[in-house]
PDB file of all heavy atoms in Angstrom:
ATOM      1  N   GLN A   1       0.862  -1.179   0.000  1.00  0.00           N
ATOM      2  CA  GLN A   1       0.000   0.000   0.000  1.00  0.00           C
ATOM      3  C   GLN A   1       0.900   1.231   0.000  1.00  0.00           C
ATOM      4  O   GLN A   1       1.870   1.288   0.749  1.00  0.00           O
ATOM      5  CB  GLN A   1      -0.895   0.023   1.246  1.00  0.00           C
ATOM      6  CG  GLN A   1      -1.876  -1.137   1.340  1.00  0.00           C
ATOM      7  CD  GLN A   1      -2.642  -1.128   2.644  1.00  0.00           C
ATOM      8  OE1 GLN A   1      -3.255  -0.143   3.002  1.00  0.00           O
ATOM      9  NE2 GLN A   1      -2.596  -2.247   3.371  1.00  0.00           N
ATOM     10  N   GLU A   2       0.563   2.192  -0.852  1.00  0.00           N
ATOM     11  CA  GLU A   2       1.413   3.384  -0.930  1.00  0.00           C
ATOM     12  C   GLU A   2       0.629   4.567  -1.490  1.00  0.00           C
ATOM     13  O   GLU A   2      -0.224   4.416  -2.356  1.00  0.00           O
ATOM     14  CB  GLU A   2       2.614   3.103  -1.835  1.00  0.00           C
ATOM     15  CG  GLU A   2       3.640   4.234  -1.841  1.00  0.00           C
ATOM     16  CD  GLU A   2       4.915   3.855  -2.573  1.00  0.00           C
ATOM     17  OE1 GLU A   2       5.013   2.702  -3.052  1.00  0.00           O
ATOM     18  OE2 GLU A   2       5.806   4.707  -2.683  1.00  0.00           O
ATOM     19  N   GLY A   3       0.934   5.736  -0.956  1.00  0.00           N
ATOM     20  CA  GLY A   3       0.339   6.968  -1.457  1.00  0.00           C
ATOM     21  C   GLY A   3       1.319   7.709  -2.346  1.00  0.00           C
ATOM     22  O   GLY A   3       2.530   7.695  -2.097  1.00  0.00           O
ATOM     23  N   LEU A   4       0.804   8.326  -3.383  1.00  0.00           N
ATOM     24  CA  LEU A   4       1.624   9.097  -4.320  1.00  0.00           C
ATOM     25  C   LEU A   4       0.974  10.458  -4.533  1.00  0.00           C
ATOM     26  O   LEU A   4      -0.243  10.557  -4.674  1.00  0.00           O
ATOM     27  CB  LEU A   4       1.724   8.370  -5.667  1.00  0.00           C
ATOM     28  CG  LEU A   4       2.228   6.926  -5.622  1.00  0.00           C
ATOM     29  CD1 LEU A   4       1.895   6.207  -6.913  1.00  0.00           C
ATOM     30  CD2 LEU A   4       3.725   6.900  -5.378  1.00  0.00           C
ATOM     31  N   GLY A   5       1.773  11.492  -4.550  1.00  0.00           N
ATOM     32  CA  GLY A   5       1.221  12.816  -4.758  1.00  0.00           C
ATOM     33  C   GLY A   5       0.680  13.413  -3.474  1.00  0.00           C
ATOM     34  O   GLY A   5       1.088  13.028  -2.369  1.00  0.00           O
ATOM     35  N   TYR A   6      -0.279  14.335  -3.636  1.00  0.00           N
ATOM     36  CA  TYR A   6      -0.727  15.138  -2.497  1.00  0.00           C
ATOM     37  C   TYR A   6      -2.189  14.890  -2.130  1.00  0.00           C
ATOM     38  O   TYR A   6      -3.071  14.853  -2.984  1.00  0.00           O
ATOM     39  CB  TYR A   6      -0.532  16.622  -2.793  1.00  0.00           C
ATOM     40  CG  TYR A   6       0.922  17.018  -2.867  1.00  0.00           C
ATOM     41  CD1 TYR A   6       1.575  17.102  -4.092  1.00  0.00           C
ATOM     42  CD2 TYR A   6       1.641  17.283  -1.705  1.00  0.00           C
ATOM     43  CE1 TYR A   6       2.912  17.450  -4.160  1.00  0.00           C
ATOM     44  CE2 TYR A   6       2.983  17.634  -1.758  1.00  0.00           C
ATOM     45  CZ  TYR A   6       3.625  17.720  -2.993  1.00  0.00           C
ATOM     46  OH  TYR A   6       4.951  18.051  -3.058  1.00  0.00           O
ATOM     47  N   ALA A   7      -2.417  14.772  -0.821  1.00  0.00           N
ATOM     48  CA  ALA A   7      -3.783  14.741  -0.296  1.00  0.00           C
ATOM     49  C   ALA A   7      -4.299  16.160  -0.112  1.00  0.00           C
ATOM     50  O   ALA A   7      -5.505  16.390  -0.095  1.00  0.00           O
ATOM     51  CB  ALA A   7      -3.813  13.996   1.039  1.00  0.00           C
ATOM     52  N   ASP A   8      -3.382  17.081   0.035  1.00  0.00           N
ATOM     53  CA  ASP A   8      -3.709  18.505   0.191  1.00  0.00           C
ATOM     54  C   ASP A   8      -2.613  19.283  -0.528  1.00  0.00           C
ATOM     55  O   ASP A   8      -1.494  19.392  -0.029  1.00  0.00           O
ATOM     56  CB  ASP A   8      -3.768  18.860   1.682  1.00  0.00           C
ATOM     57  CG  ASP A   8      -4.122  20.324   1.921  1.00  0.00           C
ATOM     58  OD1 ASP A   8      -3.897  21.167   1.035  1.00  0.00           O
ATOM     59  OD2 ASP A   8      -4.625  20.617   3.025  1.00  0.00           O
ATOM     60  N   ILE A   9      -2.938  19.788  -1.696  1.00  0.00           N
ATOM     61  CA  ILE A   9      -1.929  20.478  -2.516  1.00  0.00           C
ATOM     62  C   ILE A   9      -1.448  21.748  -1.848  1.00  0.00           C
ATOM     63  O   ILE A   9      -0.237  22.014  -1.768  1.00  0.00           O
ATOM     64  CB  ILE A   9      -2.498  20.805  -3.911  1.00  0.00           C
ATOM     65  CG1 ILE A   9      -2.850  19.517  -4.658  1.00  0.00           C
ATOM     66  CG2 ILE A   9      -1.489  21.621  -4.722  1.00  0.00           C
ATOM     67  CD1 ILE A   9      -3.545  19.759  -5.986  1.00  0.00           C
ATOM     68  N   GLU A  10      -2.375  22.542  -1.350  1.00  0.00           N
ATOM     69  CA  GLU A  10      -2.023  23.857  -0.817  1.00  0.00           C
ATOM     70  C   GLU A  10      -1.106  23.772   0.395  1.00  0.00           C
ATOM     71  O   GLU A  10      -0.200  24.590   0.565  1.00  0.00           O
ATOM     72  CB  GLU A  10      -3.299  24.633  -0.456  1.00  0.00           C
ATOM     73  CG  GLU A  10      -4.110  25.022  -1.691  1.00  0.00           C
ATOM     74  CD  GLU A  10      -5.478  25.588  -1.342  1.00  0.00           C
ATOM     75  OE1 GLU A  10      -6.178  24.967  -0.518  1.00  0.00           O
ATOM     76  OE2 GLU A  10      -5.835  26.625  -1.892  1.00  0.00           O
ATOM     77  N   ASN A  11      -1.322  22.787   1.232  1.00  0.00           N
ATOM     78  CA  ASN A  11      -0.504  22.632   2.437  1.00  0.00           C
ATOM     79  C   ASN A  11       0.576  21.574   2.278  1.00  0.00           C
ATOM     80  O   ASN A  11       1.264  21.240   3.251  1.00  0.00           O
ATOM     81  CB  ASN A  11      -1.408  22.293   3.634  1.00  0.00           C
ATOM     82  CG  ASN A  11      -2.320  23.443   3.990  1.00  0.00           C
ATOM     83  OD1 ASN A  11      -1.862  24.528   4.329  1.00  0.00           O
ATOM     84  ND2 ASN A  11      -3.623  23.212   3.888  1.00  0.00           N
ATOM     85  N   ARG A  12       0.720  21.058   1.051  1.00  0.00           N
ATOM     86  CA  ARG A  12       1.774  20.098   0.703  1.00  0.00           C
ATOM     87  C   ARG A  12       1.740  18.874   1.612  1.00  0.00           C
ATOM     88  O   ARG A  12       2.777  18.379   2.088  1.00  0.00           O
ATOM     89  CB  ARG A  12       3.158  20.753   0.758  1.00  0.00           C
ATOM     90  CG  ARG A  12       3.274  22.104   0.077  1.00  0.00           C
ATOM     91  CD  ARG A  12       2.747  22.083  -1.340  1.00  0.00           C
ATOM     92  NE  ARG A  12       3.662  21.467  -2.283  1.00  0.00           N
ATOM     93  CZ  ARG A  12       3.343  21.188  -3.553  1.00  0.00           C
ATOM     94  NH1 ARG A  12       2.113  21.450  -3.997  1.00  0.00           N
ATOM     95  NH2 ARG A  12       4.219  20.639  -4.365  1.00  0.00           N
ATOM     96  N   VAL A  13       0.526  18.376   1.853  1.00  0.00           N
ATOM     97  CA  VAL A  13       0.358  17.156   2.644  1.00  0.00           C
ATOM     98  C   VAL A  13       0.357  15.970   1.687  1.00  0.00           C
ATOM     99  O   VAL A  13      -0.472  15.890   0.783  1.00  0.00           O
ATOM    100  CB  VAL A  13      -0.960  17.172   3.448  1.00  0.00           C
ATOM    101  CG1 VAL A  13      -1.131  15.864   4.213  1.00  0.00           C
ATOM    102  CG2 VAL A  13      -0.985  18.361   4.399  1.00  0.00           C
ATOM    103  N   LEU A  14       1.294  15.063   1.885  1.00  0.00           N
ATOM    104  CA  LEU A  14       1.438  13.925   0.985  1.00  0.00           C
ATOM    105  C   LEU A  14       0.374  12.854   1.237  1.00  0.00           C
ATOM    106  O   LEU A  14      -0.099  12.673   2.357  1.00  0.00           O
ATOM    107  CB  LEU A  14       2.816  13.298   1.158  1.00  0.00           C
ATOM    108  CG  LEU A  14       4.014  14.166   0.743  1.00  0.00           C
ATOM    109  CD1 LEU A  14       5.318  13.503   1.174  1.00  0.00           C
ATOM    110  CD2 LEU A  14       4.014  14.412  -0.757  1.00  0.00           C
ATOM    111  N   CYS A  15       0.018  12.149   0.183  1.00  0.00           N
ATOM    112  CA  CYS A  15      -0.835  10.967   0.325  1.00  0.00           C
ATOM    113  C   CYS A  15      -0.045   9.848   0.994  1.00  0.00           C
ATOM    114  O   CYS A  15       1.149   9.669   0.721  1.00  0.00           O
ATOM    115  CB  CYS A  15      -1.298  10.471  -1.051  1.00  0.00           C
ATOM    116  SG  CYS A  15      -2.624  11.422  -1.800  1.00  0.00           S
ATOM    117  N   THR A  16      -0.705   9.114   1.859  1.00  0.00           N
ATOM    118  CA  THR A  16      -0.115   7.926   2.469  1.00  0.00           C
ATOM    119  C   THR A  16      -1.150   6.806   2.398  1.00  0.00           C
ATOM    120  O   THR A  16      -2.280   7.020   1.956  1.00  0.00           O
ATOM    121  CB  THR A  16       0.256   8.161   3.944  1.00  0.00           C
ATOM    122  OG1 THR A  16      -0.957   8.233   4.724  1.00  0.00           O
ATOM    123  CG2 THR A  16       1.058   9.448   4.119  1.00  0.00           C
ATOM    124  N   GLU A  17      -0.783   5.641   2.868  1.00  0.00           N
ATOM    125  CA  GLU A  17      -1.742   4.533   2.855  1.00  0.00           C
ATOM    126  C   GLU A  17      -2.916   4.793   3.800  1.00  0.00           C
ATOM    127  O   GLU A  17      -3.956   4.138   3.706  1.00  0.00           O
ATOM    128  CB  GLU A  17      -1.054   3.224   3.243  1.00  0.00           C
ATOM    129  CG  GLU A  17      -0.484   3.205   4.645  1.00  0.00           C
ATOM    130  CD  GLU A  17       0.241   1.901   4.944  1.00  0.00           C
ATOM    131  OE1 GLU A  17       1.303   1.677   4.331  1.00  0.00           O
ATOM    132  OE2 GLU A  17      -0.266   1.116   5.768  1.00  0.00           O
ATOM    133  N   ASP A  18      -2.777   5.775   4.704  1.00  0.00           N
ATOM    134  CA  ASP A  18      -3.851   6.098   5.646  1.00  0.00           C
ATOM    135  C   ASP A  18      -4.762   7.218   5.149  1.00  0.00           C
ATOM    136  O   ASP A  18      -5.727   7.586   5.840  1.00  0.00           O
ATOM    137  CB  ASP A  18      -3.266   6.511   7.002  1.00  0.00           C
ATOM    138  CG  ASP A  18      -2.544   5.362   7.686  1.00  0.00           C
ATOM    139  OD1 ASP A  18      -3.069   4.238   7.652  1.00  0.00           O
ATOM    140  OD2 ASP A  18      -1.450   5.594   8.245  1.00  0.00           O
ATOM    141  N   THR A  19      -4.474   7.766   3.977  1.00  0.00           N
ATOM    142  CA  THR A  19      -5.277   8.871   3.466  1.00  0.00           C
ATOM    143  C   THR A  19      -6.722   8.436   3.244  1.00  0.00           C
ATOM    144  O   THR A  19      -6.986   7.388   2.651  1.00  0.00           O
ATOM    145  CB  THR A  19      -4.689   9.404   2.147  1.00  0.00           C
ATOM    146  OG1 THR A  19      -3.367   9.901   2.393  1.00  0.00           O
ATOM    147  CG2 THR A  19      -5.546  10.530   1.593  1.00  0.00           C
ATOM    148  N   VAL A  20      -7.647   9.224   3.752  1.00  0.00           N
ATOM    149  CA  VAL A  20      -9.083   8.947   3.634  1.00  0.00           C
ATOM    150  C   VAL A  20      -9.644   9.782   2.488  1.00  0.00           C
ATOM    151  O   VAL A  20      -9.531  11.005   2.488  1.00  0.00           O
ATOM    152  CB  VAL A  20      -9.814   9.294   4.947  1.00  0.00           C
ATOM    153  CG1 VAL A  20     -11.316   9.095   4.805  1.00  0.00           C
ATOM    154  CG2 VAL A  20      -9.274   8.450   6.097  1.00  0.00           C
ATOM    155  N   MET A  21     -10.221   9.109   1.511  1.00  0.00           N
ATOM    156  CA  MET A  21     -10.739   9.789   0.326  1.00  0.00           C
ATOM    157  C   MET A  21     -12.204   9.431   0.082  1.00  0.00           C
ATOM    158  O   MET A  21     -12.701   8.415   0.581  1.00  0.00           O
ATOM    159  CB  MET A  21      -9.932   9.388  -0.910  1.00  0.00           C
ATOM    160  CG  MET A  21      -8.505   9.882  -0.924  1.00  0.00           C
ATOM    161  SD  MET A  21      -7.686   9.409  -2.477  1.00  0.00           S
ATOM    162  CE  MET A  21      -6.176  10.366  -2.356  1.00  0.00           C
ATOM    163  N   ARG A  22     -12.878  10.250  -0.679  1.00  0.00           N
ATOM    164  CA  ARG A  22     -14.216   9.900  -1.150  1.00  0.00           C
ATOM    165  C   ARG A  22     -14.108   8.690  -2.069  1.00  0.00           C
ATOM    166  O   ARG A  22     -13.233   8.634  -2.926  1.00  0.00           O
ATOM    167  CB  ARG A  22     -14.831  11.070  -1.916  1.00  0.00           C
ATOM    168  CG  ARG A  22     -15.298  12.201  -1.008  1.00  0.00           C
ATOM    169  CD  ARG A  22     -15.801  13.390  -1.798  1.00  0.00           C
ATOM    170  NE  ARG A  22     -16.393  14.382  -0.902  1.00  0.00           N
ATOM    171  CZ  ARG A  22     -16.589  15.648  -1.211  1.00  0.00           C
ATOM    172  NH1 ARG A  22     -16.263  16.090  -2.422  1.00  0.00           N
ATOM    173  NH2 ARG A  22     -17.140  16.479  -0.341  1.00  0.00           N
ATOM    174  N   ILE A  23     -15.007   7.735  -1.884  1.00  0.00           N
ATOM    175  CA  ILE A  23     -14.968   6.542  -2.735  1.00  0.00           C
ATOM    176  C   ILE A  23     -16.111   6.532  -3.741  1.00  0.00           C
ATOM    177  O   ILE A  23     -16.310   5.535  -4.448  1.00  0.00           O
ATOM    178  CB  ILE A  23     -14.965   5.246  -1.900  1.00  0.00           C
ATOM    179  CG1 ILE A  23     -16.239   5.114  -1.057  1.00  0.00           C
ATOM    180  CG2 ILE A  23     -13.725   5.195  -1.020  1.00  0.00           C
ATOM    181  CD1 ILE A  23     -16.380   3.748  -0.390  1.00  0.00           C
ATOM    182  N   ALA A  24     -16.860   7.634  -3.802  1.00  0.00           N
ATOM    183  CA  ALA A  24     -17.892   7.803  -4.826  1.00  0.00           C
ATOM    184  C   ALA A  24     -18.795   6.569  -4.907  1.00  0.00           C
ATOM    185  O   ALA A  24     -19.295   6.095  -3.896  1.00  0.00           O
ATOM    186  CB  ALA A  24     -17.240   8.127  -6.170  1.00  0.00           C
ATOM    187  N   SER A  25     -18.952   6.026  -6.108  1.00  0.00           N
ATOM    188  CA  SER A  25     -19.947   4.969  -6.312  1.00  0.00           C
ATOM    189  C   SER A  25     -19.524   3.590  -5.810  1.00  0.00           C
ATOM    190  O   SER A  25     -20.328   2.648  -5.866  1.00  0.00           O
ATOM    191  CB  SER A  25     -20.332   4.889  -7.788  1.00  0.00           C
ATOM    192  OG  SER A  25     -21.138   5.994  -8.125  1.00  0.00           O
ATOM    193  N   ILE A  26     -18.307   3.466  -5.293  1.00  0.00           N
ATOM    194  CA  ILE A  26     -17.975   2.227  -4.594  1.00  0.00           C
ATOM    195  C   ILE A  26     -18.887   2.090  -3.367  1.00  0.00           C
ATOM    196  O   ILE A  26     -19.122   0.986  -2.873  1.00  0.00           O
ATOM    197  CB  ILE A  26     -16.486   2.197  -4.181  1.00  0.00           C
ATOM    198  CG1 ILE A  26     -15.593   2.244  -5.427  1.00  0.00           C
ATOM    199  CG2 ILE A  26     -16.161   0.943  -3.367  1.00  0.00           C
ATOM    200  CD1 ILE A  26     -14.117   2.343  -5.125  1.00  0.00           C
ATOM    201  N   SER A  27     -19.444   3.221  -2.934  1.00  0.00           N
ATOM    202  CA  SER A  27     -20.418   3.203  -1.841  1.00  0.00           C
ATOM    203  C   SER A  27     -21.571   2.258  -2.162  1.00  0.00           C
ATOM    204  O   SER A  27     -22.104   1.582  -1.270  1.00  0.00           O
ATOM    205  CB  SER A  27     -20.963   4.614  -1.596  1.00  0.00           C
ATOM    206  OG  SER A  27     -19.922   5.538  -1.350  1.00  0.00           O
ATOM    207  N   LYS A  28     -21.976   2.217  -3.419  1.00  0.00           N
ATOM    208  CA  LYS A  28     -23.076   1.333  -3.824  1.00  0.00           C
ATOM    209  C   LYS A  28     -22.734  -0.126  -3.535  1.00  0.00           C
ATOM    210  O   LYS A  28     -23.591  -0.903  -3.101  1.00  0.00           O
ATOM    211  CB  LYS A  28     -23.376   1.509  -5.320  1.00  0.00           C
ATOM    212  CG  LYS A  28     -23.901   2.877  -5.727  1.00  0.00           C
ATOM    213  CD  LYS A  28     -24.118   2.951  -7.224  1.00  0.00           C
ATOM    214  CE  LYS A  28     -24.734   4.263  -7.672  1.00  0.00           C
ATOM    215  NZ  LYS A  28     -23.826   5.411  -7.540  1.00  0.00           N
ATOM    216  N   SER A  29     -21.495  -0.507  -3.787  1.00  0.00           N
ATOM    217  CA  SER A  29     -21.080  -1.898  -3.573  1.00  0.00           C
ATOM    218  C   SER A  29     -21.135  -2.264  -2.098  1.00  0.00           C
ATOM    219  O   SER A  29     -21.509  -3.393  -1.742  1.00  0.00           O
ATOM    220  CB  SER A  29     -19.663  -2.114  -4.112  1.00  0.00           C
ATOM    221  OG  SER A  29     -19.600  -1.831  -5.490  1.00  0.00           O
ATOM    222  N   ILE A  30     -20.759  -1.336  -1.235  1.00  0.00           N
ATOM    223  CA  ILE A  30     -20.820  -1.602   0.204  1.00  0.00           C
ATOM    224  C   ILE A  30     -22.275  -1.663   0.658  1.00  0.00           C
ATOM    225  O   ILE A  30     -22.658  -2.530   1.455  1.00  0.00           O
ATOM    226  CB  ILE A  30     -20.027  -0.542   0.985  1.00  0.00           C
ATOM    227  CG1 ILE A  30     -18.539  -0.610   0.594  1.00  0.00           C
ATOM    228  CG2 ILE A  30     -20.194  -0.743   2.488  1.00  0.00           C
ATOM    229  CD1 ILE A  30     -17.671   0.432   1.261  1.00  0.00           C
ATOM    230  N   THR A  31     -23.096  -0.761   0.136  1.00  0.00           N
ATOM    231  CA  THR A  31     -24.524  -0.790   0.460  1.00  0.00           C
ATOM    232  C   THR A  31     -25.147  -2.117   0.039  1.00  0.00           C
ATOM    233  O   THR A  31     -26.048  -2.642   0.699  1.00  0.00           O
ATOM    234  CB  THR A  31     -25.253   0.376  -0.231  1.00  0.00           C
ATOM    235  OG1 THR A  31     -24.720   1.619   0.235  1.00  0.00           O
ATOM    236  CG2 THR A  31     -26.752   0.341   0.051  1.00  0.00           C
ATOM    237  N   MET A  32     -24.632  -2.672  -1.070  1.00  0.00           N
ATOM    238  CA  MET A  32     -25.180  -3.930  -1.562  1.00  0.00           C
ATOM    239  C   MET A  32     -24.984  -5.065  -0.554  1.00  0.00           C
ATOM    240  O   MET A  32     -25.775  -6.021  -0.520  1.00  0.00           O
ATOM    241  CB  MET A  32     -24.532  -4.299  -2.901  1.00  0.00           C
ATOM    242  CG  MET A  32     -25.198  -5.461  -3.607  1.00  0.00           C
ATOM    243  SD  MET A  32     -26.920  -5.122  -4.047  1.00  0.00           S
ATOM    244  CE  MET A  32     -27.573  -6.791  -4.126  1.00  0.00           C
ATOM    245  N   ILE A  33     -23.959  -4.965   0.294  1.00  0.00           N
ATOM    246  CA  ILE A  33     -23.781  -5.975   1.344  1.00  0.00           C
ATOM    247  C   ILE A  33     -24.988  -5.960   2.283  1.00  0.00           C
ATOM    248  O   ILE A  33     -25.496  -7.008   2.691  1.00  0.00           O
ATOM    249  CB  ILE A  33     -22.485  -5.733   2.136  1.00  0.00           C
ATOM    250  CG1 ILE A  33     -21.266  -5.988   1.258  1.00  0.00           C
ATOM    251  CG2 ILE A  33     -22.447  -6.630   3.369  1.00  0.00           C
ATOM    252  CD1 ILE A  33     -19.946  -5.873   1.991  1.00  0.00           C
ATOM    253  N   ALA A  34     -25.440  -4.749   2.621  1.00  0.00           N
ATOM    254  CA  ALA A  34     -26.613  -4.634   3.496  1.00  0.00           C
ATOM    255  C   ALA A  34     -27.831  -5.269   2.842  1.00  0.00           C
ATOM    256  O   ALA A  34     -28.588  -6.010   3.482  1.00  0.00           O
ATOM    257  CB  ALA A  34     -26.882  -3.162   3.807  1.00  0.00           C
ATOM    258  N   VAL A  35     -28.011  -5.002   1.554  1.00  0.00           N
ATOM    259  CA  VAL A  35     -29.142  -5.568   0.813  1.00  0.00           C
ATOM    260  C   VAL A  35     -29.052  -7.097   0.799  1.00  0.00           C
ATOM    261  O   VAL A  35     -30.032  -7.801   1.097  1.00  0.00           O
ATOM    262  CB  VAL A  35     -29.177  -5.023  -0.634  1.00  0.00           C
ATOM    263  CG1 VAL A  35     -30.246  -5.740  -1.460  1.00  0.00           C
ATOM    264  CG2 VAL A  35     -29.431  -3.516  -0.632  1.00  0.00           C
ATOM    265  N   ALA A  36     -27.871  -7.618   0.447  1.00  0.00           N
ATOM    266  CA  ALA A  36     -27.692  -9.069   0.351  1.00  0.00           C
ATOM    267  C   ALA A  36     -27.883  -9.745   1.707  1.00  0.00           C
ATOM    268  O   ALA A  36     -28.462 -10.835   1.798  1.00  0.00           O
ATOM    269  CB  ALA A  36     -26.301  -9.389  -0.200  1.00  0.00           C
ATOM    270  N   LYS A  37     -27.398  -9.090   2.746  1.00  0.00           N
ATOM    271  CA  LYS A  37     -27.517  -9.642   4.101  1.00  0.00           C
ATOM    272  C   LYS A  37     -28.992  -9.756   4.498  1.00  0.00           C
ATOM    273  O   LYS A  37     -29.428 -10.786   5.025  1.00  0.00           O
ATOM    274  CB  LYS A  37     -26.764  -8.735   5.081  1.00  0.00           C
ATOM    275  CG  LYS A  37     -26.643  -9.241   6.502  1.00  0.00           C
ATOM    276  CD  LYS A  37     -25.691  -8.336   7.273  1.00  0.00           C
ATOM    277  CE  LYS A  37     -25.469  -8.818   8.695  1.00  0.00           C
ATOM    278  NZ  LYS A  37     -26.651  -8.608   9.559  1.00  0.00           N
ATOM    279  N   LEU A  38     -29.772  -8.728   4.219  1.00  0.00           N
ATOM    280  CA  LEU A  38     -31.188  -8.736   4.569  1.00  0.00           C
ATOM    281  C   LEU A  38     -31.965  -9.730   3.708  1.00  0.00           C
ATOM    282  O   LEU A  38     -32.909 -10.368   4.176  1.00  0.00           O
ATOM    283  CB  LEU A  38     -31.767  -7.324   4.425  1.00  0.00           C
ATOM    284  CG  LEU A  38     -31.187  -6.284   5.389  1.00  0.00           C
ATOM    285  CD1 LEU A  38     -31.722  -4.898   5.067  1.00  0.00           C
ATOM    286  CD2 LEU A  38     -31.510  -6.658   6.835  1.00  0.00           C
ATOM    287  N   TRP A  39     -31.551  -9.859   2.448  1.00  0.00           N
ATOM    288  CA  TRP A  39     -32.175 -10.865   1.578  1.00  0.00           C
ATOM    289  C   TRP A  39     -31.880 -12.273   2.097  1.00  0.00           C
ATOM    290  O   TRP A  39     -32.756 -13.131   2.163  1.00  0.00           O
ATOM    291  CB  TRP A  39     -31.656 -10.705   0.149  1.00  0.00           C
ATOM    292  CG  TRP A  39     -32.050 -11.852  -0.737  1.00  0.00           C
ATOM    293  CD1 TRP A  39     -33.245 -12.059  -1.352  1.00  0.00           C
ATOM    294  CD2 TRP A  39     -31.224 -12.988  -1.067  1.00  0.00           C
ATOM    295  NE1 TRP A  39     -33.231 -13.244  -2.057  1.00  0.00           N
ATOM    296  CE2 TRP A  39     -32.009 -13.837  -1.894  1.00  0.00           C
ATOM    297  CE3 TRP A  39     -29.920 -13.372  -0.750  1.00  0.00           C
ATOM    298  CZ2 TRP A  39     -31.505 -15.037  -2.411  1.00  0.00           C
ATOM    299  CZ3 TRP A  39     -29.438 -14.566  -1.258  1.00  0.00           C
ATOM    300  CH2 TRP A  39     -30.225 -15.384  -2.078  1.00  0.00           C
ATOM    301  N   GLU A  40     -30.616 -12.509   2.462  1.00  0.00           N
ATOM    302  CA  GLU A  40     -30.201 -13.821   2.948  1.00  0.00           C
ATOM    303  C   GLU A  40     -30.955 -14.203   4.216  1.00  0.00           C
ATOM    304  O   GLU A  40     -31.275 -15.376   4.439  1.00  0.00           O
ATOM    305  CB  GLU A  40     -28.693 -13.807   3.210  1.00  0.00           C
ATOM    306  CG  GLU A  40     -28.110 -15.162   3.572  1.00  0.00           C
ATOM    307  CD  GLU A  40     -26.613 -15.093   3.757  1.00  0.00           C
ATOM    308  OE1 GLU A  40     -26.144 -14.245   4.546  1.00  0.00           O
ATOM    309  OE2 GLU A  40     -25.896 -15.882   3.110  1.00  0.00           O
ATOM    310  N   GLU A  41     -31.267 -13.203   5.029  1.00  0.00           N
ATOM    311  CA  GLU A  41     -31.996 -13.444   6.274  1.00  0.00           C
ATOM    312  C   GLU A  41     -33.503 -13.551   6.051  1.00  0.00           C
ATOM    313  O   GLU A  41     -34.261 -13.752   7.013  1.00  0.00           O
ATOM    314  CB  GLU A  41     -31.694 -12.319   7.277  1.00  0.00           C
ATOM    315  CG  GLU A  41     -30.238 -12.297   7.744  1.00  0.00           C
ATOM    316  CD  GLU A  41     -29.890 -11.037   8.522  1.00  0.00           C
ATOM    317  OE1 GLU A  41     -30.752 -10.121   8.591  1.00  0.00           O
ATOM    318  OE2 GLU A  41     -28.776 -10.966   9.059  1.00  0.00           O
ATOM    319  N   GLY A  42     -33.932 -13.398   4.795  1.00  0.00           N
ATOM    320  CA  GLY A  42     -35.348 -13.507   4.479  1.00  0.00           C
ATOM    321  C   GLY A  42     -36.168 -12.287   4.860  1.00  0.00           C
ATOM    322  O   GLY A  42     -37.410 -12.336   4.904  1.00  0.00           O
ATOM    323  N   LYS A  43     -35.492 -11.172   5.090  1.00  0.00           N
ATOM    324  CA  LYS A  43     -36.181  -9.957   5.528  1.00  0.00           C
ATOM    325  C   LYS A  43     -36.502  -9.001   4.379  1.00  0.00           C
ATOM    326  O   LYS A  43     -37.346  -8.122   4.520  1.00  0.00           O
ATOM    327  CB  LYS A  43     -35.328  -9.227   6.568  1.00  0.00           C
ATOM    328  CG  LYS A  43     -35.092 -10.025   7.839  1.00  0.00           C
ATOM    329  CD  LYS A  43     -34.151  -9.286   8.778  1.00  0.00           C
ATOM    330  CE  LYS A  43     -33.895 -10.103  10.038  1.00  0.00           C
ATOM    331  NZ  LYS A  43     -32.932  -9.407  10.947  1.00  0.00           N
ATOM    332  N   LEU A  44     -35.807  -9.177   3.255  1.00  0.00           N
ATOM    333  CA  LEU A  44     -35.998  -8.282   2.118  1.00  0.00           C
ATOM    334  C   LEU A  44     -36.225  -9.109   0.859  1.00  0.00           C
ATOM    335  O   LEU A  44     -35.376  -9.926   0.489  1.00  0.00           O
ATOM    336  CB  LEU A  44     -34.779  -7.378   1.942  1.00  0.00           C
ATOM    337  CG  LEU A  44     -34.779  -6.414   0.746  1.00  0.00           C
ATOM    338  CD1 LEU A  44     -35.942  -5.440   0.843  1.00  0.00           C
ATOM    339  CD2 LEU A  44     -33.461  -5.645   0.680  1.00  0.00           C
ATOM    340  N   ASP A  45     -37.361  -8.905   0.221  1.00  0.00           N
ATOM    341  CA  ASP A  45     -37.696  -9.595  -1.022  1.00  0.00           C
ATOM    342  C   ASP A  45     -37.284  -8.697  -2.184  1.00  0.00           C
ATOM    343  O   ASP A  45     -37.780  -7.576  -2.316  1.00  0.00           O
ATOM    344  CB  ASP A  45     -39.197  -9.885  -1.075  1.00  0.00           C
ATOM    345  CG  ASP A  45     -39.582 -10.802  -2.235  1.00  0.00           C
ATOM    346  OD1 ASP A  45     -38.967 -10.679  -3.311  1.00  0.00           O
ATOM    347  OD2 ASP A  45     -40.501 -11.618  -2.072  1.00  0.00           O
TER     348      ASP A  45
END
């Protein structure tokens, strides 16, 4: 795991493996776990 470039250009803060970023539509994939879990439990048709 490695960060390249800047997490904050103006303050010259470098990206690292701990940098927290927006993941945009990957959010949908994580939400899908909730859907699948509820379906598996028979709670969501």
